[in-house]
Every structure is written in structure tokens, then in C-alpha cells.
Amino acid sequence: SVFEIPAEKILVNIVMSSSHINENYLESLTQEMDVIKTSVCLLACCEATNELQKEKIKALAKSKGKYIFIINSVAINGILDEYYKIGEQHFSMLRDKFKELN
């Protein structure tokens, strides 16, 4: 599970430009999530902010139970730094994002 969301698998997608992250793209992600039977998607985008499509992402979490976490290079570096410093990851950034979706 991921933050108590049942998920044996996590869909991971990587896009280079935030211009790809629109409502249609998010809908296609939820369809891909359905195919692999997961509720969690980690979307990495070098230049993305967590504000991209924020309302649509919240709506998907509430209506479909699909949680899409958008992380940028700063967040990825933070996760790696946390791991290097303490030898494990608590994913505080992702936990904060999860709280925003609920």
C-alpha cells in the first residue's frame, strides 16, 4: 500500500515538459491505471510544479480514487537526499501531497 491506498503496483510516467500535463493527459493516465489495476501514479516532470492541474487531480482522487503525484527535479533530489542522509525514505513531500488530495 502507499499511504494506506491499496496498490500492489504503481504507474510511473516521465514527461520532460509540463505542457503535456493537461486534462486529457490526466484522463489517459487514469485509464492506464485501470489497465494495471492501481490507484497510484507517480508523474515525474523536470519543470513541473505541484500546482499543475491541481483541481483536476483532486477531483480524480475524490471521484475515482486515483492518486496522481506530480514531482519535479527538486522533489526527486529531495527524496534522494533524504535517502542518502538517513538510509531510508519517509517521503514527507509525497505525504504532504497526499494530504492535499484528501
PDB file of N, CA and C in Angstrom:
ATOM      1  N   SER A   1       0.839  -1.192   0.000  1.00  0.00           N
ATOM      2  CA  SER A   1       0.000   0.000   0.000  1.00  0.00           C
ATOM      3  C   SER A   1       0.875   1.243   0.000  1.00  0.00           C
ATOM      4  N   VAL A   2       0.328   2.323  -0.479  1.00  0.00           N
ATOM      5  CA  VAL A   2       1.001   3.614  -0.496  1.00  0.00           C
ATOM      6  C   VAL A   2       0.124   4.575   0.287  1.00  0.00           C
ATOM      7  N   PHE A   3       0.606   5.029   1.441  1.00  0.00           N
ATOM      8  CA  PHE A   3      -0.185   5.903   2.314  1.00  0.00           C
ATOM      9  C   PHE A   3      -1.569   5.307   2.564  1.00  0.00           C
ATOM     10  N   GLU A   4      -1.591   3.989   2.799  1.00  0.00           N
ATOM     11  CA  GLU A   4      -2.817   3.238   3.089  1.00  0.00           C
ATOM     12  C   GLU A   4      -3.778   3.157   1.899  1.00  0.00           C
ATOM     13  N   ILE A   5      -3.288   3.444   0.704  1.00  0.00           N
ATOM     14  CA  ILE A   5      -4.064   3.229  -0.520  1.00  0.00           C
ATOM     15  C   ILE A   5      -3.631   1.860  -1.046  1.00  0.00           C
ATOM     16  N   PRO A   6      -4.565   0.919  -1.202  1.00  0.00           N
ATOM     17  CA  PRO A   6      -4.160  -0.386  -1.734  1.00  0.00           C
ATOM     18  C   PRO A   6      -3.540  -0.230  -3.125  1.00  0.00           C
ATOM     19  N   ALA A   7      -2.300  -0.641  -3.261  1.00  0.00           N
ATOM     20  CA  ALA A   7      -1.623  -0.528  -4.561  1.00  0.00           C
ATOM     21  C   ALA A   7      -0.461  -1.509  -4.599  1.00  0.00           C
ATOM     22  N   GLU A   8      -0.671  -2.633  -5.277  1.00  0.00           N
ATOM     23  CA  GLU A   8       0.426  -3.578  -5.453  1.00  0.00           C
ATOM     24  C   GLU A   8       1.406  -3.067  -6.497  1.00  0.00           C
ATOM     25  N   LYS A   9       0.893  -2.244  -7.404  1.00  0.00           N
ATOM     26  CA  LYS A   9       1.711  -1.660  -8.462  1.00  0.00           C
ATOM     27  C   LYS A   9       1.536  -0.149  -8.428  1.00  0.00           C
ATOM     28  N   ILE A  10       2.551   0.545  -8.921  1.00  0.00           N
ATOM     29  CA  ILE A  10       2.481   1.997  -9.068  1.00  0.00           C
ATOM     30  C   ILE A  10       2.839   2.317 -10.512  1.00  0.00           C
ATOM     31  N   LEU A  11       1.996   3.108 -11.153  1.00  0.00           N
ATOM     32  CA  LEU A  11       2.303   3.564 -12.506  1.00  0.00           C
ATOM     33  C   LEU A  11       3.281   4.731 -12.398  1.00  0.00           C
ATOM     34  N   VAL A  12       4.393   4.644 -13.117  1.00  0.00           N
ATOM     35  CA  VAL A  12       5.381   5.722 -13.137  1.00  0.00           C
ATOM     36  C   VAL A  12       5.483   6.230 -14.569  1.00  0.00           C
ATOM     37  N   ASN A  13       5.251   7.516 -14.747  1.00  0.00           N
ATOM     38  CA  ASN A  13       5.393   8.157 -16.056  1.00  0.00           C
ATOM     39  C   ASN A  13       6.364   9.317 -15.928  1.00  0.00           C
ATOM     40  N   ILE A  14       7.102   9.541 -16.989  1.00  0.00           N
ATOM     41  CA  ILE A  14       8.068  10.638 -17.015  1.00  0.00           C
ATOM     42  C   ILE A  14       7.791  11.480 -18.253  1.00  0.00           C
ATOM     43  N   VAL A  15       7.631  12.774 -18.054  1.00  0.00           N
ATOM     44  CA  VAL A  15       7.486  13.707 -19.169  1.00  0.00           C
ATOM     45  C   VAL A  15       8.518  14.815 -18.989  1.00  0.00           C
ATOM     46  N   MET A  16       9.029  15.312 -20.075  1.00  0.00           N
ATOM     47  CA  MET A  16      10.062  16.339 -19.986  1.00  0.00           C
ATOM     48  C   MET A  16       9.476  17.736 -19.845  1.00  0.00           C
ATOM     49  N   SER A  17       8.286  17.941 -20.363  1.00  0.00           N
ATOM     50  CA  SER A  17       7.708  19.280 -20.350  1.00  0.00           C
ATOM     51  C   SER A  17       6.336  19.255 -19.696  1.00  0.00           C
ATOM     52  N   SER A  18       6.070  20.239 -18.875  1.00  0.00           N
ATOM     53  CA  SER A  18       4.771  20.314 -18.212  1.00  0.00           C
ATOM     54  C   SER A  18       3.650  20.649 -19.190  1.00  0.00           C
ATOM     55  N   SER A  19       3.999  21.031 -20.415  1.00  0.00           N
ATOM     56  CA  SER A  19       2.956  21.329 -21.399  1.00  0.00           C
ATOM     57  C   SER A  19       2.141  20.079 -21.741  1.00  0.00           C
ATOM     58  N   HIS A  20       2.686  18.897 -21.471  1.00  0.00           N
ATOM     59  CA  HIS A  20       1.969  17.645 -21.707  1.00  0.00           C
ATOM     60  C   HIS A  20       0.903  17.384 -20.645  1.00  0.00           C
ATOM     61  N   ILE A  21       1.029  18.020 -19.499  1.00  0.00           N
ATOM     62  CA  ILE A  21       0.155  17.703 -18.368  1.00  0.00           C
ATOM     63  C   ILE A  21      -1.111  18.550 -18.457  1.00  0.00           C
ATOM     64  N   ASN A  22      -2.070  18.028 -19.202  1.00  0.00           N
ATOM     65  CA  ASN A  22      -3.361  18.708 -19.320  1.00  0.00           C
ATOM     66  C   ASN A  22      -4.460  17.723 -18.917  1.00  0.00           C
ATOM     67  N   GLU A  23      -5.699  18.159 -19.012  1.00  0.00           N
ATOM     68  CA  GLU A  23      -6.812  17.322 -18.564  1.00  0.00           C
ATOM     69  C   GLU A  23      -6.899  16.004 -19.340  1.00  0.00           C
ATOM     70  N   ASN A  24      -6.685  16.053 -20.643  1.00  0.00           N
ATOM     71  CA  ASN A  24      -6.729  14.825 -21.453  1.00  0.00           C
ATOM     72  C   ASN A  24      -5.631  13.851 -21.055  1.00  0.00           C
ATOM     73  N   TYR A  25      -4.447  14.384 -20.788  1.00  0.00           N
ATOM     74  CA  TYR A  25      -3.331  13.531 -20.377  1.00  0.00           C
ATOM     75  C   TYR A  25      -3.644  12.854 -19.046  1.00  0.00           C
ATOM     76  N   LEU A  26      -4.214  13.606 -18.105  1.00  0.00           N
ATOM     77  CA  LEU A  26      -4.559  13.032 -16.805  1.00  0.00           C
ATOM     78  C   LEU A  26      -5.616  11.942 -16.955  1.00  0.00           C
ATOM     79  N   GLU A  27      -6.572  12.163 -17.838  1.00  0.00           N
ATOM     80  CA  GLU A  27      -7.589  11.129 -18.092  1.00  0.00           C
ATOM     81  C   GLU A  27      -6.949   9.870 -18.673  1.00  0.00           C
ATOM     82  N   SER A  28      -5.976  10.052 -19.576  1.00  0.00           N
ATOM     83  CA  SER A  28      -5.310   8.881 -20.156  1.00  0.00           C
ATOM     84  C   SER A  28      -4.508   8.133 -19.090  1.00  0.00           C
ATOM     85  N   LEU A  29      -3.938   8.871 -18.135  1.00  0.00           N
ATOM     86  CA  LEU A  29      -3.232   8.218 -17.031  1.00  0.00           C
ATOM     87  C   LEU A  29      -4.180   7.360 -16.206  1.00  0.00           C
ATOM     88  N   THR A  30      -5.377   7.876 -15.930  1.00  0.00           N
ATOM     89  CA  THR A  30      -6.329   7.088 -15.137  1.00  0.00           C
ATOM     90  C   THR A  30      -6.726   5.820 -15.890  1.00  0.00           C
ATOM     91  N   GLN A  31      -6.811   5.891 -17.208  1.00  0.00           N
ATOM     92  CA  GLN A  31      -7.119   4.689 -17.995  1.00  0.00           C
ATOM     93  C   GLN A  31      -5.976   3.678 -17.911  1.00  0.00           C
ATOM     94  N   GLU A  32      -4.728   4.169 -17.979  1.00  0.00           N
ATOM     95  CA  GLU A  32      -3.573   3.282 -17.822  1.00  0.00           C
ATOM     96  C   GLU A  32      -3.564   2.667 -16.427  1.00  0.00           C
ATOM     97  N   MET A  33      -3.948   3.454 -15.423  1.00  0.00           N
ATOM     98  CA  MET A  33      -4.008   2.950 -14.053  1.00  0.00           C
ATOM     99  C   MET A  33      -5.053   1.839 -13.940  1.00  0.00           C
ATOM    100  N   ASP A  34      -6.173   2.000 -14.630  1.00  0.00           N
ATOM    101  CA  ASP A  34      -7.207   0.961 -14.634  1.00  0.00           C
ATOM    102  C   ASP A  34      -6.681  -0.338 -15.244  1.00  0.00           C
ATOM    103  N   VAL A  35      -5.911  -0.218 -16.326  1.00  0.00           N
ATOM    104  CA  VAL A  35      -5.388  -1.397 -17.021  1.00  0.00           C
ATOM    105  C   VAL A  35      -4.508  -2.231 -16.086  1.00  0.00           C
ATOM    106  N   ILE A  36      -3.645  -1.574 -15.313  1.00  0.00           N
ATOM    107  CA  ILE A  36      -2.757  -2.333 -14.416  1.00  0.00           C
ATOM    108  C   ILE A  36      -3.342  -2.474 -13.009  1.00  0.00           C
ATOM    109  N   LYS A  37      -4.558  -2.013 -12.828  1.00  0.00           N
ATOM    110  CA  LYS A  37      -5.289  -2.142 -11.557  1.00  0.00           C
ATOM    111  C   LYS A  37      -4.530  -1.511 -10.392  1.00  0.00           C
ATOM    112  N   THR A  38      -4.273  -0.216 -10.537  1.00  0.00           N
ATOM    113  CA  THR A  38      -3.628   0.528  -9.458  1.00  0.00           C
ATOM    114  C   THR A  38      -4.376   1.826  -9.211  1.00  0.00           C
ATOM    115  N   SER A  39      -4.148   2.391  -8.048  1.00  0.00           N
ATOM    116  CA  SER A  39      -4.761   3.672  -7.684  1.00  0.00           C
ATOM    117  C   SER A  39      -3.730   4.779  -7.562  1.00  0.00           C
ATOM    118  N   VAL A  40      -2.453   4.450  -7.812  1.00  0.00           N
ATOM    119  CA  VAL A  40      -1.377   5.406  -7.574  1.00  0.00           C
ATOM    120  C   VAL A  40      -0.516   5.572  -8.820  1.00  0.00           C
ATOM    121  N   CYS A  41      -0.265   6.831  -9.168  1.00  0.00           N
ATOM    122  CA  CYS A  41       0.621   7.161 -10.284  1.00  0.00           C
ATOM    123  C   CYS A  41       1.623   8.211  -9.817  1.00  0.00           C
ATOM    124  N   LEU A  42       2.872   7.978 -10.105  1.00  0.00           N
ATOM    125  CA  LEU A  42       3.925   8.942  -9.833  1.00  0.00           C
ATOM    126  C   LEU A  42       4.336   9.526 -11.177  1.00  0.00           C
ATOM    127  N   LEU A  43       4.123  10.824 -11.341  1.00  0.00           N
ATOM    128  CA  LEU A  43       4.406  11.507 -12.600  1.00  0.00           C
ATOM    129  C   LEU A  43       5.592  12.437 -12.389  1.00  0.00           C
ATOM    130  N   ALA A  44       6.718  12.091 -12.993  1.00  0.00           N
ATOM    131  CA  ALA A  44       7.926  12.900 -12.862  1.00  0.00           C
ATOM    132  C   ALA A  44       8.037  13.833 -14.062  1.00  0.00           C
ATOM    133  N   CYS A  45       8.278  15.105 -13.774  1.00  0.00           N
ATOM    134  CA  CYS A  45       8.428  16.114 -14.818  1.00  0.00           C
ATOM    135  C   CYS A  45       9.475  17.111 -14.344  1.00  0.00           C
ATOM    136  N   CYS A  46      10.524  17.291 -15.117  1.00  0.00           N
ATOM    137  CA  CYS A  46      11.649  18.132 -14.697  1.00  0.00           C
ATOM    138  C   CYS A  46      11.232  19.514 -14.212  1.00  0.00           C
ATOM    139  N   GLU A  47      10.289  20.139 -14.910  1.00  0.00           N
ATOM    140  CA  GLU A  47       9.983  21.534 -14.606  1.00  0.00           C
ATOM    141  C   GLU A  47       8.609  21.735 -13.977  1.00  0.00           C
ATOM    142  N   ALA A  48       7.937  20.675 -13.625  1.00  0.00           N
ATOM    143  CA  ALA A  48       6.559  20.792 -13.135  1.00  0.00           C
ATOM    144  C   ALA A  48       6.482  21.392 -11.737  1.00  0.00           C
ATOM    145  N   THR A  49       5.363  22.026 -11.474  1.00  0.00           N
ATOM    146  CA  THR A  49       5.047  22.444 -10.111  1.00  0.00           C
ATOM    147  C   THR A  49       3.877  21.597  -9.647  1.00  0.00           C
ATOM    148  N   ASN A  50       3.686  21.522  -8.348  1.00  0.00           N
ATOM    149  CA  ASN A  50       2.574  20.742  -7.819  1.00  0.00           C
ATOM    150  C   ASN A  50       1.240  21.427  -8.045  1.00  0.00           C
ATOM    151  N   GLU A  51       1.257  22.628  -8.615  1.00  0.00           N
ATOM    152  CA  GLU A  51       0.009  23.351  -8.864  1.00  0.00           C
ATOM    153  C   GLU A  51      -0.614  22.988 -10.214  1.00  0.00           C
ATOM    154  N   LEU A  52       0.145  22.294 -11.065  1.00  0.00           N
ATOM    155  CA  LEU A  52      -0.365  21.929 -12.381  1.00  0.00           C
ATOM    156  C   LEU A  52      -1.607  21.065 -12.244  1.00  0.00           C
ATOM    157  N   GLN A  53      -2.694  21.520 -12.841  1.00  0.00           N
ATOM    158  CA  GLN A  53      -3.932  20.750 -12.872  1.00  0.00           C
ATOM    159  C   GLN A  53      -4.382  20.307 -11.475  1.00  0.00           C
ATOM    160  N   LYS A  54      -4.089  21.123 -10.474  1.00  0.00           N
ATOM    161  CA  LYS A  54      -4.357  20.750  -9.082  1.00  0.00           C
ATOM    162  C   LYS A  54      -5.818  20.376  -8.845  1.00  0.00           C
ATOM    163  N   GLU A  55      -6.746  21.149  -9.356  1.00  0.00           N
ATOM    164  CA  GLU A  55      -8.167  20.866  -9.123  1.00  0.00           C
ATOM    165  C   GLU A  55      -8.597  19.572  -9.813  1.00  0.00           C
ATOM    166  N   LYS A  56      -8.089  19.334 -11.020  1.00  0.00           N
ATOM    167  CA  LYS A  56      -8.424  18.100 -11.736  1.00  0.00           C
ATOM    168  C   LYS A  56      -7.869  16.887 -10.992  1.00  0.00           C
ATOM    169  N   ILE A  57      -6.657  16.999 -10.480  1.00  0.00           N
ATOM    170  CA  ILE A  57      -6.045  15.893  -9.745  1.00  0.00           C
ATOM    171  C   ILE A  57      -6.829  15.610  -8.461  1.00  0.00           C
ATOM    172  N   LYS A  58      -7.252  16.661  -7.773  1.00  0.00           N
ATOM    173  CA  LYS A  58      -8.084  16.481  -6.573  1.00  0.00           C
ATOM    174  C   LYS A  58      -9.402  15.803  -6.929  1.00  0.00           C
ATOM    175  N   ALA A  59     -10.006  16.217  -8.030  1.00  0.00           N
ATOM    176  CA  ALA A  59     -11.283  15.638  -8.454  1.00  0.00           C
ATOM    177  C   ALA A  59     -11.126  14.147  -8.777  1.00  0.00           C
ATOM    178  N   LEU A  60     -10.027  13.773  -9.424  1.00  0.00           N
ATOM    179  CA  LEU A  60      -9.790  12.365  -9.740  1.00  0.00           C
ATOM    180  C   LEU A  60      -9.609  11.537  -8.470  1.00  0.00           C
ATOM    181  N   ALA A  61      -8.942  12.118  -7.480  1.00  0.00           N
ATOM    182  CA  ALA A  61      -8.754  11.409  -6.211  1.00  0.00           C
ATOM    183  C   ALA A  61     -10.098  11.169  -5.532  1.00  0.00           C
ATOM    184  N   LYS A  62     -10.930  12.194  -5.528  1.00  0.00           N
ATOM    185  CA  LYS A  62     -12.220  12.076  -4.843  1.00  0.00           C
ATOM    186  C   LYS A  62     -13.229  11.235  -5.617  1.00  0.00           C
ATOM    187  N   SER A  63     -13.316  11.421  -6.928  1.00  0.00           N
ATOM    188  CA  SER A  63     -14.363  10.733  -7.693  1.00  0.00           C
ATOM    189  C   SER A  63     -13.975   9.320  -8.130  1.00  0.00           C
ATOM    190  N   LYS A  64     -12.698   9.119  -8.463  1.00  0.00           N
ATOM    191  CA  LYS A  64     -12.285   7.819  -8.997  1.00  0.00           C
ATOM    192  C   LYS A  64     -11.328   7.062  -8.088  1.00  0.00           C
ATOM    193  N   GLY A  65     -10.871   7.712  -7.003  1.00  0.00           N
ATOM    194  CA  GLY A  65      -9.905   7.049  -6.131  1.00  0.00           C
ATOM    195  C   GLY A  65      -8.563   6.847  -6.807  1.00  0.00           C
ATOM    196  N   LYS A  66      -8.222   7.743  -7.740  1.00  0.00           N
ATOM    197  CA  LYS A  66      -6.950   7.685  -8.461  1.00  0.00           C
ATOM    198  C   LYS A  66      -6.063   8.823  -7.964  1.00  0.00           C
ATOM    199  N   TYR A  67      -4.894   8.481  -7.456  1.00  0.00           N
ATOM    200  CA  TYR A  67      -3.991   9.460  -6.861  1.00  0.00           C
ATOM    201  C   TYR A  67      -2.785   9.653  -7.774  1.00  0.00           C
ATOM    202  N   ILE A  68      -2.655  10.858  -8.315  1.00  0.00           N
ATOM    203  CA  ILE A  68      -1.547  11.193  -9.204  1.00  0.00           C
ATOM    204  C   ILE A  68      -0.651  12.190  -8.477  1.00  0.00           C
ATOM    205  N   PHE A  69       0.585  11.784  -8.257  1.00  0.00           N
ATOM    206  CA  PHE A  69       1.561  12.633  -7.588  1.00  0.00           C
ATOM    207  C   PHE A  69       2.524  13.175  -8.639  1.00  0.00           C
ATOM    208  N   ILE A  70       2.570  14.496  -8.785  1.00  0.00           N
ATOM    209  CA  ILE A  70       3.492  15.125  -9.731  1.00  0.00           C
ATOM    210  C   ILE A  70       4.716  15.585  -8.955  1.00  0.00           C
ATOM    211  N   ILE A  71       5.879  15.128  -9.383  1.00  0.00           N
ATOM    212  CA  ILE A  71       7.106  15.565  -8.727  1.00  0.00           C
ATOM    213  C   ILE A  71       8.049  16.132  -9.776  1.00  0.00           C
ATOM    214  N   ASN A  72       8.814  17.145  -9.353  1.00  0.00           N
ATOM    215  CA  ASN A  72       9.779  17.771 -10.258  1.00  0.00           C
ATOM    216  C   ASN A  72      11.191  17.391  -9.825  1.00  0.00           C
ATOM    217  N   SER A  73      12.184  17.925 -10.507  1.00  0.00           N
ATOM    218  CA  SER A  73      13.571  17.557 -10.216  1.00  0.00           C
ATOM    219  C   SER A  73      13.976  17.945  -8.796  1.00  0.00           C
ATOM    220  N   VAL A  74      13.430  19.020  -8.266  1.00  0.00           N
ATOM    221  CA  VAL A  74      13.737  19.427  -6.886  1.00  0.00           C
ATOM    222  C   VAL A  74      13.230  18.369  -5.907  1.00  0.00           C
ATOM    223  N   ALA A  75      12.011  17.898  -6.122  1.00  0.00           N
ATOM    224  CA  ALA A  75      11.437  16.870  -5.249  1.00  0.00           C
ATOM    225  C   ALA A  75      12.206  15.556  -5.359  1.00  0.00           C
ATOM    226  N   ILE A  76      12.570  15.185  -6.582  1.00  0.00           N
ATOM    227  CA  ILE A  76      13.338  13.950  -6.776  1.00  0.00           C
ATOM    228  C   ILE A  76      14.666  14.046  -6.045  1.00  0.00           C
ATOM    229  N   ASN A  77      15.346  15.183  -6.174  1.00  0.00           N
ATOM    230  CA  ASN A  77      16.611  15.370  -5.466  1.00  0.00           C
ATOM    231  C   ASN A  77      16.405  15.335  -3.959  1.00  0.00           C
ATOM    232  N   GLY A  78      15.287  15.880  -3.472  1.00  0.00           N
ATOM    233  CA  GLY A  78      14.982  15.850  -2.042  1.00  0.00           C
ATOM    234  C   GLY A  78      14.778  14.436  -1.531  1.00  0.00           C
ATOM    235  N   ILE A  79      14.077  13.619  -2.313  1.00  0.00           N
ATOM    236  CA  ILE A  79      13.860  12.218  -1.934  1.00  0.00           C
ATOM    237  C   ILE A  79      15.192  11.474  -1.888  1.00  0.00           C
ATOM    238  N   LEU A  80      16.038  11.680  -2.901  1.00  0.00           N
ATOM    239  CA  LEU A  80      17.350  11.036  -2.923  1.00  0.00           C
ATOM    240  C   LEU A  80      18.222  11.512  -1.773  1.00  0.00           C
ATOM    241  N   ASP A  81      18.190  12.812  -1.492  1.00  0.00           N
ATOM    242  CA  ASP A  81      18.973  13.373  -0.398  1.00  0.00           C
ATOM    243  C   ASP A  81      18.543  12.774   0.939  1.00  0.00           C
ATOM    244  N   GLU A  82      17.234  12.640   1.140  1.00  0.00           N
ATOM    245  CA  GLU A  82      16.717  12.039   2.373  1.00  0.00           C
ATOM    246  C   GLU A  82      17.247  10.610   2.519  1.00  0.00           C
ATOM    247  N   TYR A  83      17.232   9.876   1.439  1.00  0.00           N
ATOM    248  CA  TYR A  83      17.714   8.501   1.478  1.00  0.00           C
ATOM    249  C   TYR A  83      19.210   8.450   1.800  1.00  0.00           C
ATOM    250  N   TYR A  84      19.994   9.309   1.152  1.00  0.00           N
ATOM    251  CA  TYR A  84      21.436   9.304   1.387  1.00  0.00           C
ATOM    252  C   TYR A  84      21.782   9.696   2.817  1.00  0.00           C
ATOM    253  N   LYS A  85      21.036  10.623   3.403  1.00  0.00           N
ATOM    254  CA  LYS A  85      21.340  11.112   4.753  1.00  0.00           C
ATOM    255  C   LYS A  85      20.947  10.137   5.849  1.00  0.00           C
ATOM    256  N   ILE A  86      19.759   9.519   5.726  1.00  0.00           N
ATOM    257  CA  ILE A  86      19.296   8.675   6.834  1.00  0.00           C
ATOM    258  C   ILE A  86      19.152   7.203   6.457  1.00  0.00           C
ATOM    259  N   GLY A  87      19.398   6.857   5.212  1.00  0.00           N
ATOM    260  CA  GLY A  87      19.369   5.465   4.801  1.00  0.00           C
ATOM    261  C   GLY A  87      17.986   4.904   4.538  1.00  0.00           C
ATOM    262  N   GLU A  88      16.977   5.716   4.663  1.00  0.00           N
ATOM    263  CA  GLU A  88      15.617   5.298   4.331  1.00  0.00           C
ATOM    264  C   GLU A  88      14.840   6.519   3.897  1.00  0.00           C
ATOM    265  N   GLN A  89      13.657   6.282   3.404  1.00  0.00           N
ATOM    266  CA  GLN A  89      12.855   7.392   2.899  1.00  0.00           C
ATOM    267  C   GLN A  89      11.524   7.439   3.627  1.00  0.00           C
ATOM    268  N   HIS A  90      11.175   8.616   4.069  1.00  0.00           N
ATOM    269  CA  HIS A  90       9.874   8.822   4.706  1.00  0.00           C
ATOM    270  C   HIS A  90       8.918   9.518   3.752  1.00  0.00           C
ATOM    271  N   PHE A  91       9.433   9.993   2.629  1.00  0.00           N
ATOM    272  CA  PHE A  91       8.629  10.607   1.577  1.00  0.00           C
ATOM    273  C   PHE A  91       7.732  11.717   2.119  1.00  0.00           C
ATOM    274  N   SER A  92       8.296  12.588   2.935  1.00  0.00           N
ATOM    275  CA  SER A  92       7.495  13.661   3.534  1.00  0.00           C
ATOM    276  C   SER A  92       6.847  14.544   2.470  1.00  0.00           C
ATOM    277  N   MET A  93       7.534  14.778   1.353  1.00  0.00           N
ATOM    278  CA  MET A  93       6.946  15.595   0.289  1.00  0.00           C
ATOM    279  C   MET A  93       5.717  14.907  -0.296  1.00  0.00           C
ATOM    280  N   LEU A  94       5.814  13.599  -0.541  1.00  0.00           N
ATOM    281  CA  LEU A  94       4.674  12.869  -1.084  1.00  0.00           C
ATOM    282  C   LEU A  94       3.541  12.771  -0.064  1.00  0.00           C
ATOM    283  N   ARG A  95       3.887  12.648   1.216  1.00  0.00           N
ATOM    284  CA  ARG A  95       2.853  12.617   2.263  1.00  0.00           C
ATOM    285  C   ARG A  95       2.076  13.937   2.281  1.00  0.00           C
ATOM    286  N   ASP A  96       2.790  15.041   2.158  1.00  0.00           N
ATOM    287  CA  ASP A  96       2.120  16.349   2.124  1.00  0.00           C
ATOM    288  C   ASP A  96       1.189  16.442   0.918  1.00  0.00           C
ATOM    289  N   LYS A  97       1.649  15.951  -0.227  1.00  0.00           N
ATOM    290  CA  LYS A  97       0.828  15.974  -1.439  1.00  0.00           C
ATOM    291  C   LYS A  97      -0.416  15.106  -1.259  1.00  0.00           C
ATOM    292  N   PHE A  98      -0.251  13.947  -0.635  1.00  0.00           N
ATOM    293  CA  PHE A  98      -1.384  13.060  -0.388  1.00  0.00           C
ATOM    294  C   PHE A  98      -2.421  13.746   0.503  1.00  0.00           C
ATOM    295  N   LYS A  99      -1.954  14.457   1.511  1.00  0.00           N
ATOM    296  CA  LYS A  99      -2.878  15.178   2.401  1.00  0.00           C
ATOM    297  C   LYS A  99      -3.664  16.234   1.630  1.00  0.00           C
ATOM    298  N   GLU A 100      -3.021  16.872   0.663  1.00  0.00           N
ATOM    299  CA  GLU A 100      -3.709  17.875  -0.161  1.00  0.00           C
ATOM    300  C   GLU A 100      -4.842  17.253  -0.975  1.00  0.00           C
ATOM    301  N   LEU A 101      -4.668  16.004  -1.385  1.00  0.00           N
ATOM    302  CA  LEU A 101      -5.661  15.347  -2.233  1.00  0.00           C
ATOM    303  C   LEU A 101      -6.866  14.842  -1.450  1.00  0.00           C
ATOM    304  N   ASN A 102      -6.739  14.768  -0.155  1.00  0.00           N
ATOM    305  CA  ASN A 102      -7.848  14.266   0.666  1.00  0.00           C
ATOM    306  C   ASN A 102      -8.509  15.353   1.456  1.00  0.00           C
TER     307      ASN A 102
END
